[in-house]
Amino acid sequence: MENPITEEYQGVRKEVAKRRAYRIFYSHMAAYIIGNVFLGVWNILTYFIKDDTTLWFFVPLIFWGIGLLIHYIQGVALFNDWWDNDARETRERLTEMHGAKKAVTAKTDE
C-alpha cells in the first residue's frame, strides 16, 4: 500500500502533465490555423492578382492536418494509457532496484 501523500502527489503530477499536453496541443493547433490562413490568403491573392494558375494551399492544410491529428492521438487521446504504462514501468524499476539493494545488503551482512 502506498503512502496517501505519494498517491496525492502522483495525481497532482498527472494533472499537471495532462494540462501541459493539452497546452502544447492547443499551441500546435493555433499555429496550424494561423499558418494555413496565411498560406491560403497568400495563395488566393497570388491566384487572382498575378493570375497564377495553381491553388496549392490545401496541400499543407492536408499534410499539416495529418500531423496535427497524430499529435492529438499521441499526446492527448492516449495520455491516460501512456501515463499508466509509464507509472507501471517506474514502479517495476524501483522494485527491481530495491530488491537489488536488499540482496547486496544481505551479502555484505554475511
C-alpha atoms as a PDB file:
ATOM      1  CA  MET A   1       0.000   0.000   0.000  1.00  0.00           C
ATOM      2  CA  GLU A   2       1.338   3.370  -0.994  1.00  0.00           C
ATOM      3  CA  ASN A   3       1.535   6.433   1.169  1.00  0.00           C
ATOM      4  CA  PRO A   4      -1.575   8.679   0.735  1.00  0.00           C
ATOM      5  CA  ILE A   5       0.691  11.685   0.256  1.00  0.00           C
ATOM      6  CA  THR A   6       2.535   9.867  -2.545  1.00  0.00           C
ATOM      7  CA  GLU A   7      -0.768   8.961  -4.213  1.00  0.00           C
ATOM      8  CA  GLU A   8      -1.950  12.571  -3.965  1.00  0.00           C
ATOM      9  CA  TYR A   9       1.378  13.791  -5.356  1.00  0.00           C
ATOM     10  CA  GLN A  10       1.125  11.368  -8.280  1.00  0.00           C
ATOM     11  CA  GLY A  11      -2.429  12.561  -9.003  1.00  0.00           C
ATOM     12  CA  VAL A  12      -1.364  16.205  -8.996  1.00  0.00           C
ATOM     13  CA  ARG A  13       1.678  15.395 -11.125  1.00  0.00           C
ATOM     14  CA  LYS A  14      -0.537  13.586 -13.642  1.00  0.00           C
ATOM     15  CA  GLU A  15      -2.932  16.527 -13.814  1.00  0.00           C
ATOM     16  CA  VAL A  16      -0.070  18.989 -14.396  1.00  0.00           C
ATOM     17  CA  ALA A  17       1.382  16.782 -17.144  1.00  0.00           C
ATOM     18  CA  LYS A  18      -2.044  16.400 -18.761  1.00  0.00           C
ATOM     19  CA  ARG A  19      -2.628  20.162 -18.762  1.00  0.00           C
ATOM     20  CA  ARG A  20       0.812  20.643 -20.302  1.00  0.00           C
ATOM     21  CA  ALA A  21      -0.022  18.118 -23.041  1.00  0.00           C
ATOM     22  CA  TYR A  22      -3.266  19.980 -23.808  1.00  0.00           C
ATOM     23  CA  ARG A  23      -1.490  23.363 -23.773  1.00  0.00           C
ATOM     24  CA  ILE A  24       1.150  22.131 -26.226  1.00  0.00           C
ATOM     25  CA  PHE A  25      -1.530  20.632 -28.490  1.00  0.00           C
ATOM     26  CA  TYR A  26      -3.580  23.849 -28.455  1.00  0.00           C
ATOM     27  CA  SER A  27      -0.435  25.843 -29.327  1.00  0.00           C
ATOM     28  CA  HIS A  28       0.167  23.476 -32.248  1.00  0.00           C
ATOM     29  CA  MET A  29      -3.462  23.864 -33.352  1.00  0.00           C
ATOM     30  CA  ALA A  30      -3.217  27.682 -33.156  1.00  0.00           C
ATOM     31  CA  ALA A  31      -0.061  27.614 -35.299  1.00  0.00           C
ATOM     32  CA  TYR A  32      -1.880  25.316 -37.756  1.00  0.00           C
ATOM     33  CA  ILE A  33      -4.829  27.685 -38.056  1.00  0.00           C
ATOM     34  CA  ILE A  34      -2.770  30.890 -38.289  1.00  0.00           C
ATOM     35  CA  GLY A  35      -0.234  29.367 -40.673  1.00  0.00           C
ATOM     36  CA  ASN A  36      -2.839  27.905 -43.005  1.00  0.00           C
ATOM     37  CA  VAL A  37      -4.941  31.082 -43.037  1.00  0.00           C
ATOM     38  CA  PHE A  38      -1.789  32.975 -44.029  1.00  0.00           C
ATOM     39  CA  LEU A  39      -0.893  30.436 -46.720  1.00  0.00           C
ATOM     40  CA  GLY A  40      -4.485  30.383 -48.009  1.00  0.00           C
ATOM     41  CA  VAL A  41      -4.727  34.174 -48.245  1.00  0.00           C
ATOM     42  CA  TRP A  42      -1.312  34.366 -49.899  1.00  0.00           C
ATOM     43  CA  ASN A  43      -2.221  31.690 -52.437  1.00  0.00           C
ATOM     44  CA  ILE A  44      -5.619  33.220 -53.219  1.00  0.00           C
ATOM     45  CA  LEU A  45      -4.123  36.700 -53.637  1.00  0.00           C
ATOM     46  CA  THR A  46      -1.422  35.436 -55.995  1.00  0.00           C
ATOM     47  CA  TYR A  47      -4.053  33.392 -57.838  1.00  0.00           C
ATOM     48  CA  PHE A  48      -6.262  36.401 -58.550  1.00  0.00           C
ATOM     49  CA  ILE A  49      -3.750  39.268 -58.671  1.00  0.00           C
ATOM     50  CA  LYS A  50      -0.865  37.626 -60.532  1.00  0.00           C
ATOM     51  CA  ASP A  51      -3.081  35.241 -62.491  1.00  0.00           C
ATOM     52  CA  ASP A  52      -1.316  32.230 -61.041  1.00  0.00           C
ATOM     53  CA  THR A  53      -2.891  29.018 -62.293  1.00  0.00           C
ATOM     54  CA  THR A  54      -2.308  26.856 -59.224  1.00  0.00           C
ATOM     55  CA  LEU A  55      -4.208  26.691 -55.963  1.00  0.00           C
ATOM     56  CA  TRP A  56      -1.827  24.835 -53.670  1.00  0.00           C
ATOM     57  CA  PHE A  57      -2.782  25.972 -50.149  1.00  0.00           C
ATOM     58  CA  PHE A  58      -4.781  22.803 -49.497  1.00  0.00           C
ATOM     59  CA  VAL A  59      -1.620  20.645 -49.701  1.00  0.00           C
ATOM     60  CA  PRO A  60      -0.020  21.978 -46.479  1.00  0.00           C
ATOM     61  CA  LEU A  61      -3.521  22.118 -44.988  1.00  0.00           C
ATOM     62  CA  ILE A  62      -3.928  18.365 -45.506  1.00  0.00           C
ATOM     63  CA  PHE A  63      -0.425  17.214 -44.534  1.00  0.00           C
ATOM     64  CA  TRP A  64      -0.080  19.532 -41.546  1.00  0.00           C
ATOM     65  CA  GLY A  65      -3.579  18.443 -40.547  1.00  0.00           C
ATOM     66  CA  ILE A  66      -2.437  14.812 -40.577  1.00  0.00           C
ATOM     67  CA  GLY A  67       0.483  15.788 -38.324  1.00  0.00           C
ATOM     68  CA  LEU A  68      -1.903  17.635 -36.015  1.00  0.00           C
ATOM     69  CA  LEU A  69      -4.170  14.595 -35.855  1.00  0.00           C
ATOM     70  CA  ILE A  70      -1.213  12.345 -34.980  1.00  0.00           C
ATOM     71  CA  HIS A  71      -0.169  14.849 -32.298  1.00  0.00           C
ATOM     72  CA  TYR A  72      -3.686  14.769 -30.841  1.00  0.00           C
ATOM     73  CA  ILE A  73      -3.859  10.986 -30.804  1.00  0.00           C
ATOM     74  CA  GLN A  74      -0.398  10.525 -29.323  1.00  0.00           C
ATOM     75  CA  GLY A  75      -0.343  13.411 -26.864  1.00  0.00           C
ATOM     76  CA  VAL A  76      -3.942  13.914 -25.781  1.00  0.00           C
ATOM     77  CA  ALA A  77      -6.216  10.986 -26.619  1.00  0.00           C
ATOM     78  CA  LEU A  78      -3.806   8.294 -25.404  1.00  0.00           C
ATOM     79  CA  PHE A  79      -2.458  10.309 -22.464  1.00  0.00           C
ATOM     80  CA  ASN A  80      -4.032   8.172 -19.720  1.00  0.00           C
ATOM     81  CA  ASP A  81      -2.769   4.917 -21.277  1.00  0.00           C
ATOM     82  CA  TRP A  82       0.706   6.389 -21.660  1.00  0.00           C
ATOM     83  CA  TRP A  83       0.687   7.676 -18.084  1.00  0.00           C
ATOM     84  CA  ASP A  84      -0.433   4.342 -16.643  1.00  0.00           C
ATOM     85  CA  ASN A  85       2.213   2.411 -18.606  1.00  0.00           C
ATOM     86  CA  ASP A  86       4.921   4.850 -17.527  1.00  0.00           C
ATOM     87  CA  ALA A  87       3.861   4.639 -13.864  1.00  0.00           C
ATOM     88  CA  ARG A  88       3.835   0.826 -14.022  1.00  0.00           C
ATOM     89  CA  GLU A  89       7.323   0.712 -15.566  1.00  0.00           C
ATOM     90  CA  THR A  90       8.632   3.149 -12.964  1.00  0.00           C
ATOM     91  CA  ARG A  91       7.215   1.054 -10.122  1.00  0.00           C
ATOM     92  CA  GLU A  92       8.756  -2.104 -11.608  1.00  0.00           C
ATOM     93  CA  ARG A  93      12.172  -0.472 -11.931  1.00  0.00           C
ATOM     94  CA  LEU A  94      12.026   0.837  -8.379  1.00  0.00           C
ATOM     95  CA  THR A  95      11.027  -2.608  -7.117  1.00  0.00           C
ATOM     96  CA  GLU A  96      13.928  -4.205  -9.012  1.00  0.00           C
ATOM     97  CA  MET A  97      16.370  -1.606  -7.679  1.00  0.00           C
ATOM     98  CA  HIS A  98      15.059  -2.014  -4.146  1.00  0.00           C
ATOM     99  CA  GLY A  99      15.338  -5.801  -4.438  1.00  0.00           C
ATOM    100  CA  ALA A 100      18.906  -5.494  -5.739  1.00  0.00           C
ATOM    101  CA  LYS A 101      19.837  -3.242  -2.812  1.00  0.00           C
ATOM    102  CA  LYS A 102      18.409  -5.769  -0.345  1.00  0.00           C
ATOM    103  CA  ALA A 103      20.446  -8.552  -1.979  1.00  0.00           C
ATOM    104  CA  VAL A 104      23.657  -6.503  -1.807  1.00  0.00           C
ATOM    105  CA  THR A 105      22.965  -5.569   1.812  1.00  0.00           C
ATOM    106  CA  ALA A 106      22.310  -9.204   2.736  1.00  0.00           C
ATOM    107  CA  LYS A 107      25.615 -10.301   1.123  1.00  0.00           C
ATOM    108  CA  THR A 108      27.617  -7.651   2.942  1.00  0.00           C
ATOM    109  CA  ASP A 109      25.996  -8.548   6.270  1.00  0.00           C
ATOM    110  CA  GLU A 110      27.108 -12.187   5.941  1.00  0.00           C
END
